[in-house]
């Protein structure tokens, strides 16, 4: 890397989008990923569906306890 960079010709906010929603990848530990893949295969759905179902269940439990 250089010690200094020249941003004098840069445009502030050129790529900023106020209402954009990003889907950030989430990396699971190997044992958890394998477990979710087995469950998904058994239920014949994709892993995203299993993860969302599990997280919704935990969300409901946490909201009940608050």
C-alpha atoms as a PDB file:
ATOM      1  CA  UNK A   1       0.000   0.000   0.000  1.00  0.00           C
ATOM      2  CA  UNK A   2       1.055   3.549  -0.569  1.00  0.00           C
ATOM      3  CA  UNK A   3       1.622   5.849   2.396  1.00  0.00           C
ATOM      4  CA  UNK A   4      -0.891   8.327   0.972  1.00  0.00           C
ATOM      5  CA  UNK A   5      -3.634   8.198  -1.640  1.00  0.00           C
ATOM      6  CA  UNK A   6      -5.013  11.116  -3.644  1.00  0.00           C
ATOM      7  CA  UNK A   7      -8.800  11.313  -3.313  1.00  0.00           C
ATOM      8  CA  UNK A   8      -9.040  14.881  -4.616  1.00  0.00           C
ATOM      9  CA  UNK A   9     -10.923  13.710  -7.744  1.00  0.00           C
ATOM     10  CA  UNK A  10     -13.128  11.290  -5.838  1.00  0.00           C
ATOM     11  CA  UNK A  11     -16.899  11.701  -5.636  1.00  0.00           C
ATOM     12  CA  UNK A  12     -18.330  11.382  -2.141  1.00  0.00           C
ATOM     13  CA  UNK A  13     -21.262   8.968  -1.945  1.00  0.00           C
ATOM     14  CA  UNK A  14     -20.957   7.783  -5.552  1.00  0.00           C
ATOM     15  CA  UNK A  15     -22.009   4.223  -4.666  1.00  0.00           C
ATOM     16  CA  UNK A  16     -24.166   5.011  -1.618  1.00  0.00           C
ATOM     17  CA  UNK A  17     -27.749   3.767  -1.822  1.00  0.00           C
ATOM     18  CA  UNK A  18     -29.940   4.802   1.109  1.00  0.00           C
ATOM     19  CA  UNK A  19     -32.528   2.019   1.051  1.00  0.00           C
ATOM     20  CA  UNK A  20     -30.384  -0.871  -0.116  1.00  0.00           C
ATOM     21  CA  UNK A  21     -30.592  -4.166   1.734  1.00  0.00           C
ATOM     22  CA  UNK A  22     -27.640  -6.511   1.547  1.00  0.00           C
ATOM     23  CA  UNK A  23     -27.711 -10.250   2.094  1.00  0.00           C
ATOM     24  CA  UNK A  24     -24.575 -10.895   4.089  1.00  0.00           C
ATOM     25  CA  UNK A  25     -23.178 -14.429   3.939  1.00  0.00           C
ATOM     26  CA  UNK A  26     -23.057 -16.286   7.231  1.00  0.00           C
ATOM     27  CA  UNK A  27     -20.412 -18.948   7.710  1.00  0.00           C
ATOM     28  CA  UNK A  28     -21.325 -21.893   9.916  1.00  0.00           C
ATOM     29  CA  UNK A  29     -18.994 -24.199  11.794  1.00  0.00           C
ATOM     30  CA  UNK A  30     -18.427 -27.482   9.998  1.00  0.00           C
ATOM     31  CA  UNK A  31     -20.430 -29.607  12.439  1.00  0.00           C
ATOM     32  CA  UNK A  32     -23.417 -27.246  12.342  1.00  0.00           C
ATOM     33  CA  UNK A  33     -23.341 -27.011   8.539  1.00  0.00           C
ATOM     34  CA  UNK A  34     -23.265 -30.817   8.254  1.00  0.00           C
ATOM     35  CA  UNK A  35     -26.184 -31.145  10.682  1.00  0.00           C
ATOM     36  CA  UNK A  36     -28.283 -28.585   8.794  1.00  0.00           C
ATOM     37  CA  UNK A  37     -27.471 -30.224   5.454  1.00  0.00           C
ATOM     38  CA  UNK A  38     -28.616 -33.621   6.799  1.00  0.00           C
ATOM     39  CA  UNK A  39     -31.872 -32.160   8.097  1.00  0.00           C
ATOM     40  CA  UNK A  40     -32.476 -30.289   4.835  1.00  0.00           C
ATOM     41  CA  UNK A  41     -31.838 -33.407   2.777  1.00  0.00           C
ATOM     42  CA  UNK A  42     -34.178 -35.453   4.976  1.00  0.00           C
ATOM     43  CA  UNK A  43     -36.946 -32.844   4.658  1.00  0.00           C
ATOM     44  CA  UNK A  44     -36.180 -32.249   0.952  1.00  0.00           C
ATOM     45  CA  UNK A  45     -35.747 -28.496   1.333  1.00  0.00           C
ATOM     46  CA  UNK A  46     -32.773 -26.179   0.990  1.00  0.00           C
ATOM     47  CA  UNK A  47     -30.475 -25.316   3.887  1.00  0.00           C
ATOM     48  CA  UNK A  48     -31.680 -21.704   3.931  1.00  0.00           C
ATOM     49  CA  UNK A  49     -35.190 -22.881   4.790  1.00  0.00           C
ATOM     50  CA  UNK A  50     -33.899 -24.983   7.698  1.00  0.00           C
ATOM     51  CA  UNK A  51     -31.740 -22.167   9.085  1.00  0.00           C
ATOM     52  CA  UNK A  52     -34.577 -19.635   8.835  1.00  0.00           C
ATOM     53  CA  UNK A  53     -36.983 -22.050  10.550  1.00  0.00           C
ATOM     54  CA  UNK A  54     -34.532 -22.637  13.394  1.00  0.00           C
ATOM     55  CA  UNK A  55     -33.844 -18.936  13.838  1.00  0.00           C
ATOM     56  CA  UNK A  56     -37.552 -18.065  13.810  1.00  0.00           C
ATOM     57  CA  UNK A  57     -38.144 -20.651  16.529  1.00  0.00           C
ATOM     58  CA  UNK A  58     -35.380 -19.172  18.671  1.00  0.00           C
ATOM     59  CA  UNK A  59     -36.692 -15.664  18.018  1.00  0.00           C
ATOM     60  CA  UNK A  60     -40.156 -16.706  19.217  1.00  0.00           C
ATOM     61  CA  UNK A  61     -38.698 -18.270  22.379  1.00  0.00           C
ATOM     62  CA  UNK A  62     -36.625 -15.172  23.162  1.00  0.00           C
ATOM     63  CA  UNK A  63     -39.584 -12.835  22.594  1.00  0.00           C
ATOM     64  CA  UNK A  64     -41.737 -14.978  24.898  1.00  0.00           C
ATOM     65  CA  UNK A  65     -39.157 -14.703  27.688  1.00  0.00           C
ATOM     66  CA  UNK A  66     -38.835 -10.911  27.467  1.00  0.00           C
END
